[in-house]
Amino acid sequence: MQVTVQSEDFDLAQVLKGFGKAPNTGATVSFTGRVRDDSGTLEHMEIEHYPGMCEATITKIAEEAATRWSLTDCLVIHRYGNLRPGDQIMMVATAARHRVEAFEAAEYLMDYLKSRAPFWKKEVTREGADWVAAKDADEEALNRW
């Protein structure tokens, strides 16, 4: 299992090289999130975190996912700093004996990262800056688990 919180971009192919190679792995799933600009005015997103606490919190939830879905491997990367539209912001990869476990664990981790991970996000546009509030839909997605 690997959990990384970093400012640098990541190379998806390099990160996944060697991932999920345990002999009992039958499925791997990966998801990469990008900064999107729904309004067409986003200049960048500022993402802040509390070093140490953030990694420990994400590691704990990744360990829970690994146990709940019997994962053979798990990887979470989340970036912080100033990110522009189209930049990679995070990725989750899961490996399990069967595809259902790999998909469900990946969805669970993504829902957690979206609604509860200790990151603070501010959208900076030409008109100003606003902190991003948690959305009810994101919390509802996490509650299904």
N, C-alpha and C. Protein backbone atom coordinates (compact mmCIF):
# COMPACT_ATOMS: atom_id res chain seq x y z
N MET A 1 0.84 -1.17 0.00
CA MET A 1 0.00 0.00 0.00
C MET A 1 0.89 1.24 0.00
N GLN A 2 0.45 2.23 -0.77
CA GLN A 2 1.20 3.48 -0.84
C GLN A 2 0.24 4.65 -0.82
N VAL A 3 0.50 5.61 0.06
CA VAL A 3 -0.26 6.86 0.13
C VAL A 3 0.74 7.99 0.04
N THR A 4 0.53 8.88 -0.93
CA THR A 4 1.45 10.00 -1.13
C THR A 4 0.65 11.28 -1.29
N VAL A 5 1.08 12.31 -0.58
CA VAL A 5 0.53 13.66 -0.75
C VAL A 5 1.71 14.51 -1.19
N GLN A 6 1.59 15.10 -2.38
CA GLN A 6 2.74 15.77 -2.99
C GLN A 6 2.31 16.97 -3.80
N SER A 7 3.24 17.88 -4.03
CA SER A 7 2.97 19.03 -4.89
C SER A 7 3.27 18.72 -6.35
N GLU A 8 4.22 17.80 -6.58
CA GLU A 8 4.65 17.50 -7.95
C GLU A 8 3.58 16.70 -8.70
N ASP A 9 3.57 16.88 -10.01
CA ASP A 9 2.72 16.06 -10.86
C ASP A 9 3.26 14.63 -10.85
N PHE A 10 2.48 13.70 -11.34
CA PHE A 10 2.91 12.31 -11.38
C PHE A 10 2.69 11.74 -12.78
N ASP A 11 3.51 10.78 -13.13
CA ASP A 11 3.42 10.08 -14.40
C ASP A 11 2.62 8.81 -14.16
N LEU A 12 1.42 8.77 -14.68
CA LEU A 12 0.50 7.67 -14.44
C LEU A 12 1.11 6.32 -14.81
N ALA A 13 1.73 6.23 -15.96
CA ALA A 13 2.33 4.97 -16.40
C ALA A 13 3.44 4.53 -15.45
N GLN A 14 4.25 5.47 -15.01
CA GLN A 14 5.34 5.14 -14.10
C GLN A 14 4.82 4.70 -12.74
N VAL A 15 3.82 5.40 -12.25
CA VAL A 15 3.24 5.08 -10.94
C VAL A 15 2.63 3.69 -10.94
N LEU A 16 1.99 3.32 -12.03
CA LEU A 16 1.31 2.03 -12.09
C LEU A 16 2.23 0.87 -12.50
N LYS A 17 3.45 1.19 -12.89
CA LYS A 17 4.40 0.14 -13.26
C LYS A 17 4.66 -0.74 -12.04
N GLY A 18 4.38 -1.99 -12.17
CA GLY A 18 4.58 -2.93 -11.07
C GLY A 18 3.42 -3.01 -10.09
N PHE A 19 2.38 -2.20 -10.29
CA PHE A 19 1.24 -2.21 -9.38
C PHE A 19 0.40 -3.45 -9.59
N GLY A 20 -0.08 -4.03 -8.51
CA GLY A 20 -1.02 -5.15 -8.57
C GLY A 20 -0.43 -6.43 -9.12
N LYS A 21 0.82 -6.70 -8.83
CA LYS A 21 1.49 -7.88 -9.38
C LYS A 21 1.43 -9.11 -8.47
N ALA A 22 0.70 -9.04 -7.35
CA ALA A 22 0.59 -10.21 -6.48
C ALA A 22 -0.04 -11.36 -7.26
N PRO A 23 0.40 -12.59 -7.03
CA PRO A 23 -0.09 -13.73 -7.81
C PRO A 23 -1.61 -13.95 -7.72
N ASN A 24 -2.22 -13.51 -6.62
CA ASN A 24 -3.66 -13.72 -6.47
C ASN A 24 -4.48 -12.52 -6.96
N THR A 25 -3.85 -11.58 -7.66
CA THR A 25 -4.56 -10.43 -8.21
C THR A 25 -5.19 -10.78 -9.54
N GLY A 26 -6.50 -10.55 -9.63
CA GLY A 26 -7.22 -10.81 -10.87
C GLY A 26 -7.72 -9.55 -11.55
N ALA A 27 -7.69 -8.41 -10.81
CA ALA A 27 -8.22 -7.17 -11.37
C ALA A 27 -7.51 -5.97 -10.76
N THR A 28 -7.27 -4.97 -11.59
CA THR A 28 -6.77 -3.69 -11.11
C THR A 28 -7.65 -2.59 -11.68
N VAL A 29 -7.86 -1.57 -10.88
CA VAL A 29 -8.67 -0.43 -11.29
C VAL A 29 -7.88 0.82 -10.94
N SER A 30 -7.87 1.78 -11.85
CA SER A 30 -7.25 3.07 -11.53
C SER A 30 -8.17 4.20 -11.98
N PHE A 31 -8.11 5.27 -11.23
CA PHE A 31 -8.89 6.47 -11.52
C PHE A 31 -7.98 7.66 -11.32
N THR A 32 -8.02 8.60 -12.26
CA THR A 32 -7.25 9.83 -12.14
C THR A 32 -8.21 11.00 -12.22
N GLY A 33 -8.18 11.85 -11.21
CA GLY A 33 -9.01 13.05 -11.19
C GLY A 33 -8.22 14.25 -11.68
N ARG A 34 -8.89 15.12 -12.39
CA ARG A 34 -8.27 16.33 -12.93
C ARG A 34 -9.04 17.57 -12.46
N VAL A 35 -8.36 18.68 -12.44
CA VAL A 35 -9.00 19.95 -12.11
C VAL A 35 -9.87 20.33 -13.30
N ARG A 36 -11.14 20.56 -13.03
CA ARG A 36 -12.03 20.95 -14.13
C ARG A 36 -12.48 22.40 -13.94
N ASP A 37 -12.86 22.99 -15.04
CA ASP A 37 -13.29 24.39 -15.06
C ASP A 37 -14.70 24.44 -15.62
N ASP A 38 -15.69 24.24 -14.74
CA ASP A 38 -17.08 24.21 -15.18
C ASP A 38 -17.57 25.56 -15.70
N SER A 39 -17.06 26.64 -15.13
CA SER A 39 -17.55 27.97 -15.49
C SER A 39 -16.76 28.62 -16.63
N GLY A 40 -15.58 28.09 -16.93
CA GLY A 40 -14.75 28.69 -17.95
C GLY A 40 -13.95 29.88 -17.44
N THR A 41 -13.97 30.13 -16.12
CA THR A 41 -13.26 31.28 -15.57
C THR A 41 -12.18 30.89 -14.56
N LEU A 42 -12.00 29.61 -14.32
CA LEU A 42 -11.03 29.18 -13.30
C LEU A 42 -9.61 29.43 -13.78
N GLU A 43 -8.86 30.19 -12.99
CA GLU A 43 -7.44 30.40 -13.28
C GLU A 43 -6.61 29.30 -12.66
N HIS A 44 -6.89 28.99 -11.40
CA HIS A 44 -6.23 27.88 -10.73
C HIS A 44 -6.98 27.53 -9.45
N MET A 45 -6.65 26.37 -8.91
CA MET A 45 -7.21 25.94 -7.63
C MET A 45 -6.04 25.83 -6.65
N GLU A 46 -6.21 26.40 -5.49
CA GLU A 46 -5.22 26.29 -4.43
C GLU A 46 -5.66 25.18 -3.48
N ILE A 47 -4.82 24.19 -3.29
CA ILE A 47 -5.14 23.08 -2.40
C ILE A 47 -4.14 23.09 -1.25
N GLU A 48 -4.67 23.15 -0.03
CA GLU A 48 -3.84 23.15 1.17
C GLU A 48 -4.13 21.88 1.97
N HIS A 49 -3.16 21.48 2.77
CA HIS A 49 -3.35 20.32 3.65
C HIS A 49 -2.49 20.50 4.89
N TYR A 50 -2.74 19.68 5.88
CA TYR A 50 -1.94 19.68 7.10
C TYR A 50 -0.98 18.51 7.00
N PRO A 51 0.31 18.75 6.72
CA PRO A 51 1.27 17.65 6.52
C PRO A 51 1.31 16.71 7.73
N GLY A 52 1.43 15.46 7.45
CA GLY A 52 1.46 14.43 8.49
C GLY A 52 0.07 13.94 8.83
N MET A 53 -0.81 14.84 9.24
CA MET A 53 -2.18 14.45 9.56
C MET A 53 -2.91 13.96 8.30
N CYS A 54 -2.70 14.65 7.21
CA CYS A 54 -3.38 14.31 5.96
C CYS A 54 -2.98 12.90 5.51
N GLU A 55 -1.70 12.61 5.47
CA GLU A 55 -1.22 11.29 5.04
C GLU A 55 -1.73 10.19 5.98
N ALA A 56 -1.69 10.47 7.29
CA ALA A 56 -2.14 9.47 8.27
C ALA A 56 -3.63 9.19 8.12
N THR A 57 -4.42 10.21 7.87
CA THR A 57 -5.86 10.05 7.71
C THR A 57 -6.18 9.24 6.45
N ILE A 58 -5.51 9.55 5.35
CA ILE A 58 -5.75 8.82 4.11
C ILE A 58 -5.25 7.38 4.23
N THR A 59 -4.11 7.19 4.89
CA THR A 59 -3.59 5.83 5.09
C THR A 59 -4.58 4.98 5.88
N LYS A 60 -5.18 5.56 6.91
CA LYS A 60 -6.16 4.82 7.72
C LYS A 60 -7.34 4.36 6.87
N ILE A 61 -7.88 5.23 6.04
CA ILE A 61 -9.04 4.85 5.22
C ILE A 61 -8.62 3.86 4.14
N ALA A 62 -7.39 3.97 3.62
CA ALA A 62 -6.90 3.01 2.63
C ALA A 62 -6.74 1.63 3.28
N GLU A 63 -6.26 1.59 4.51
CA GLU A 63 -6.15 0.32 5.23
C GLU A 63 -7.53 -0.31 5.46
N GLU A 64 -8.51 0.53 5.80
CA GLU A 64 -9.88 0.03 5.97
C GLU A 64 -10.41 -0.55 4.66
N ALA A 65 -10.15 0.14 3.55
CA ALA A 65 -10.60 -0.36 2.24
C ALA A 65 -9.89 -1.67 1.90
N ALA A 66 -8.60 -1.75 2.19
CA ALA A 66 -7.84 -2.97 1.90
C ALA A 66 -8.39 -4.16 2.66
N THR A 67 -8.80 -3.94 3.88
CA THR A 67 -9.38 -5.03 4.69
C THR A 67 -10.78 -5.38 4.21
N ARG A 68 -11.60 -4.35 4.02
CA ARG A 68 -13.01 -4.57 3.66
C ARG A 68 -13.17 -5.29 2.32
N TRP A 69 -12.30 -4.98 1.36
CA TRP A 69 -12.43 -5.57 0.03
C TRP A 69 -11.29 -6.55 -0.28
N SER A 70 -10.56 -6.97 0.69
CA SER A 70 -9.46 -7.93 0.52
C SER A 70 -8.53 -7.53 -0.63
N LEU A 71 -8.08 -6.29 -0.60
CA LEU A 71 -7.22 -5.80 -1.67
C LEU A 71 -5.84 -6.45 -1.60
N THR A 72 -5.27 -6.66 -2.76
CA THR A 72 -3.90 -7.16 -2.83
C THR A 72 -2.90 -6.02 -3.00
N ASP A 73 -3.42 -4.83 -3.36
CA ASP A 73 -2.57 -3.64 -3.48
C ASP A 73 -3.48 -2.41 -3.49
N CYS A 74 -2.94 -1.30 -3.05
CA CYS A 74 -3.71 -0.05 -3.00
C CYS A 74 -2.74 1.12 -3.12
N LEU A 75 -3.13 2.13 -3.88
CA LEU A 75 -2.30 3.29 -4.12
C LEU A 75 -3.18 4.54 -4.14
N VAL A 76 -2.77 5.56 -3.40
CA VAL A 76 -3.47 6.85 -3.41
C VAL A 76 -2.42 7.94 -3.53
N ILE A 77 -2.62 8.83 -4.50
CA ILE A 77 -1.80 10.03 -4.65
C ILE A 77 -2.74 11.21 -4.67
N HIS A 78 -2.44 12.24 -3.89
CA HIS A 78 -3.22 13.48 -3.94
C HIS A 78 -2.24 14.64 -3.95
N ARG A 79 -2.49 15.59 -4.80
CA ARG A 79 -1.60 16.74 -4.92
C ARG A 79 -2.11 17.94 -4.12
N TYR A 80 -1.21 18.83 -3.82
CA TYR A 80 -1.55 20.10 -3.20
C TYR A 80 -0.77 21.20 -3.91
N GLY A 81 -1.12 22.44 -3.60
CA GLY A 81 -0.47 23.58 -4.25
C GLY A 81 -1.42 24.22 -5.24
N ASN A 82 -0.87 25.00 -6.18
CA ASN A 82 -1.68 25.67 -7.20
C ASN A 82 -1.76 24.78 -8.43
N LEU A 83 -2.98 24.38 -8.76
CA LEU A 83 -3.21 23.50 -9.92
C LEU A 83 -4.13 24.21 -10.91
N ARG A 84 -3.81 24.07 -12.15
CA ARG A 84 -4.58 24.71 -13.23
C ARG A 84 -5.58 23.73 -13.83
N PRO A 85 -6.59 24.25 -14.52
CA PRO A 85 -7.55 23.36 -15.18
C PRO A 85 -6.83 22.35 -16.07
N GLY A 86 -7.24 21.10 -15.95
CA GLY A 86 -6.64 20.01 -16.71
C GLY A 86 -5.52 19.30 -15.98
N ASP A 87 -4.97 19.91 -14.93
CA ASP A 87 -3.91 19.26 -14.16
C ASP A 87 -4.45 18.04 -13.41
N GLN A 88 -3.61 17.04 -13.26
CA GLN A 88 -3.97 15.89 -12.43
C GLN A 88 -3.99 16.35 -10.97
N ILE A 89 -5.04 15.97 -10.27
CA ILE A 89 -5.17 16.36 -8.87
C ILE A 89 -5.01 15.16 -7.94
N MET A 90 -5.45 13.98 -8.40
CA MET A 90 -5.35 12.80 -7.56
C MET A 90 -5.46 11.54 -8.39
N MET A 91 -5.08 10.42 -7.77
CA MET A 91 -5.32 9.13 -8.40
C MET A 91 -5.50 8.09 -7.32
N VAL A 92 -6.29 7.10 -7.64
CA VAL A 92 -6.53 5.95 -6.79
C VAL A 92 -6.34 4.72 -7.66
N ALA A 93 -5.64 3.73 -7.14
CA ALA A 93 -5.52 2.44 -7.83
C ALA A 93 -5.75 1.35 -6.79
N THR A 94 -6.52 0.35 -7.18
CA THR A 94 -6.79 -0.79 -6.31
C THR A 94 -6.58 -2.07 -7.08
N ALA A 95 -6.18 -3.11 -6.36
CA ALA A 95 -6.00 -4.43 -6.95
C ALA A 95 -6.64 -5.45 -6.02
N ALA A 96 -7.32 -6.41 -6.60
CA ALA A 96 -8.02 -7.44 -5.82
C ALA A 96 -8.13 -8.72 -6.64
N ARG A 97 -8.62 -9.76 -6.01
CA ARG A 97 -8.81 -11.03 -6.72
C ARG A 97 -9.85 -10.89 -7.82
N HIS A 98 -10.90 -10.10 -7.56
CA HIS A 98 -12.01 -9.97 -8.50
C HIS A 98 -12.29 -8.49 -8.79
N ARG A 99 -12.86 -8.23 -9.95
CA ARG A 99 -13.09 -6.85 -10.38
C ARG A 99 -14.08 -6.09 -9.49
N VAL A 100 -15.10 -6.77 -8.97
CA VAL A 100 -16.08 -6.07 -8.14
C VAL A 100 -15.40 -5.44 -6.93
N GLU A 101 -14.53 -6.20 -6.26
CA GLU A 101 -13.83 -5.66 -5.10
C GLU A 101 -12.93 -4.50 -5.49
N ALA A 102 -12.22 -4.63 -6.60
CA ALA A 102 -11.33 -3.56 -7.05
C ALA A 102 -12.11 -2.29 -7.38
N PHE A 103 -13.23 -2.43 -8.10
CA PHE A 103 -14.04 -1.26 -8.45
C PHE A 103 -14.66 -0.62 -7.21
N GLU A 104 -15.26 -1.43 -6.34
CA GLU A 104 -15.92 -0.88 -5.16
C GLU A 104 -14.92 -0.18 -4.24
N ALA A 105 -13.77 -0.78 -4.02
CA ALA A 105 -12.77 -0.16 -3.16
C ALA A 105 -12.30 1.17 -3.76
N ALA A 106 -12.09 1.20 -5.07
CA ALA A 106 -11.67 2.45 -5.72
C ALA A 106 -12.74 3.53 -5.57
N GLU A 107 -14.00 3.16 -5.77
CA GLU A 107 -15.09 4.13 -5.61
C GLU A 107 -15.16 4.65 -4.18
N TYR A 108 -15.03 3.75 -3.22
CA TYR A 108 -15.05 4.13 -1.81
C TYR A 108 -13.94 5.14 -1.51
N LEU A 109 -12.73 4.85 -1.97
CA LEU A 109 -11.61 5.75 -1.73
C LEU A 109 -11.82 7.10 -2.40
N MET A 110 -12.35 7.10 -3.62
CA MET A 110 -12.62 8.35 -4.32
C MET A 110 -13.68 9.16 -3.58
N ASP A 111 -14.75 8.49 -3.12
CA ASP A 111 -15.80 9.19 -2.38
C ASP A 111 -15.23 9.79 -1.10
N TYR A 112 -14.37 9.05 -0.41
CA TYR A 112 -13.74 9.55 0.80
C TYR A 112 -12.87 10.77 0.51
N LEU A 113 -12.03 10.68 -0.50
CA LEU A 113 -11.14 11.79 -0.84
C LEU A 113 -11.93 13.04 -1.20
N LYS A 114 -13.05 12.86 -1.87
CA LYS A 114 -13.86 13.99 -2.31
C LYS A 114 -14.56 14.69 -1.14
N SER A 115 -14.99 13.91 -0.14
CA SER A 115 -15.83 14.51 0.90
C SER A 115 -15.17 14.68 2.26
N ARG A 116 -14.20 13.84 2.61
CA ARG A 116 -13.69 13.86 3.98
C ARG A 116 -12.19 14.03 4.15
N ALA A 117 -11.42 13.84 3.12
CA ALA A 117 -9.97 13.97 3.27
C ALA A 117 -9.64 15.41 3.68
N PRO A 118 -8.67 15.59 4.56
CA PRO A 118 -8.37 16.92 5.09
C PRO A 118 -7.58 17.81 4.12
N PHE A 119 -8.28 18.24 3.09
CA PHE A 119 -7.75 19.21 2.14
C PHE A 119 -8.66 20.41 2.13
N TRP A 120 -8.08 21.59 1.90
CA TRP A 120 -8.87 22.80 1.76
C TRP A 120 -8.60 23.33 0.37
N LYS A 121 -9.69 23.58 -0.37
CA LYS A 121 -9.56 23.96 -1.77
C LYS A 121 -10.18 25.34 -2.00
N LYS A 122 -9.42 26.17 -2.69
CA LYS A 122 -9.90 27.50 -3.04
C LYS A 122 -9.82 27.66 -4.55
N GLU A 123 -10.94 28.05 -5.15
CA GLU A 123 -10.98 28.31 -6.59
C GLU A 123 -10.68 29.79 -6.82
N VAL A 124 -9.70 30.05 -7.67
CA VAL A 124 -9.31 31.41 -7.99
C VAL A 124 -9.72 31.67 -9.44
N THR A 125 -10.60 32.67 -9.62
CA THR A 125 -11.09 33.04 -10.96
C THR A 125 -10.72 34.50 -11.22
N ARG A 126 -11.05 34.96 -12.40
CA ARG A 126 -10.82 36.37 -12.73
C ARG A 126 -11.62 37.29 -11.81
N GLU A 127 -12.73 36.78 -11.30
CA GLU A 127 -13.61 37.59 -10.46
C GLU A 127 -13.21 37.59 -8.98
N GLY A 128 -12.33 36.67 -8.57
CA GLY A 128 -11.94 36.60 -7.17
C GLY A 128 -11.66 35.16 -6.76
N ALA A 129 -11.73 34.91 -5.46
CA ALA A 129 -11.42 33.58 -4.94
C ALA A 129 -12.48 33.15 -3.93
N ASP A 130 -12.82 31.87 -3.95
CA ASP A 130 -13.79 31.31 -3.01
C ASP A 130 -13.34 29.93 -2.58
N TRP A 131 -13.49 29.65 -1.27
CA TRP A 131 -13.22 28.31 -0.77
C TRP A 131 -14.32 27.38 -1.27
N VAL A 132 -13.94 26.18 -1.62
CA VAL A 132 -14.89 25.18 -2.12
C VAL A 132 -15.53 24.48 -0.93
N ALA A 133 -16.84 24.52 -0.88
CA ALA A 133 -17.58 23.86 0.20
C ALA A 133 -17.89 22.42 -0.20
N ALA A 134 -17.98 21.56 0.79
CA ALA A 134 -18.37 20.18 0.53
C ALA A 134 -19.79 20.16 -0.03
N LYS A 135 -20.03 19.27 -0.97
CA LYS A 135 -21.35 19.15 -1.58
C LYS A 135 -22.12 18.03 -0.92
N ASP A 136 -23.43 18.22 -0.78
CA ASP A 136 -24.28 17.19 -0.20
C ASP A 136 -24.19 15.89 -0.99
N ALA A 137 -24.10 15.99 -2.31
CA ALA A 137 -24.03 14.79 -3.15
C ALA A 137 -22.77 13.98 -2.86
N ASP A 138 -21.66 14.66 -2.55
CA ASP A 138 -20.43 13.94 -2.23
C ASP A 138 -20.56 13.20 -0.90
N GLU A 139 -21.20 13.84 0.07
CA GLU A 139 -21.41 13.20 1.37
C GLU A 139 -22.37 12.01 1.23
N GLU A 140 -23.40 12.18 0.42
CA GLU A 140 -24.36 11.09 0.19
C GLU A 140 -23.67 9.89 -0.49
N ALA A 141 -22.76 10.19 -1.41
CA ALA A 141 -22.03 9.10 -2.08
C ALA A 141 -21.22 8.31 -1.07
N LEU A 142 -20.59 8.99 -0.12
CA LEU A 142 -19.80 8.29 0.90
C LEU A 142 -20.69 7.52 1.85
N ASN A 143 -21.86 8.06 2.16
CA ASN A 143 -22.78 7.39 3.11
C ASN A 143 -23.29 6.04 2.60
N ARG A 144 -23.27 5.80 1.30
CA ARG A 144 -23.76 4.53 0.77
C ARG A 144 -22.89 3.37 1.19
N TRP A 145 -21.65 3.64 1.60
CA TRP A 145 -20.73 2.59 1.99
C TRP A 145 -20.93 2.25 3.45
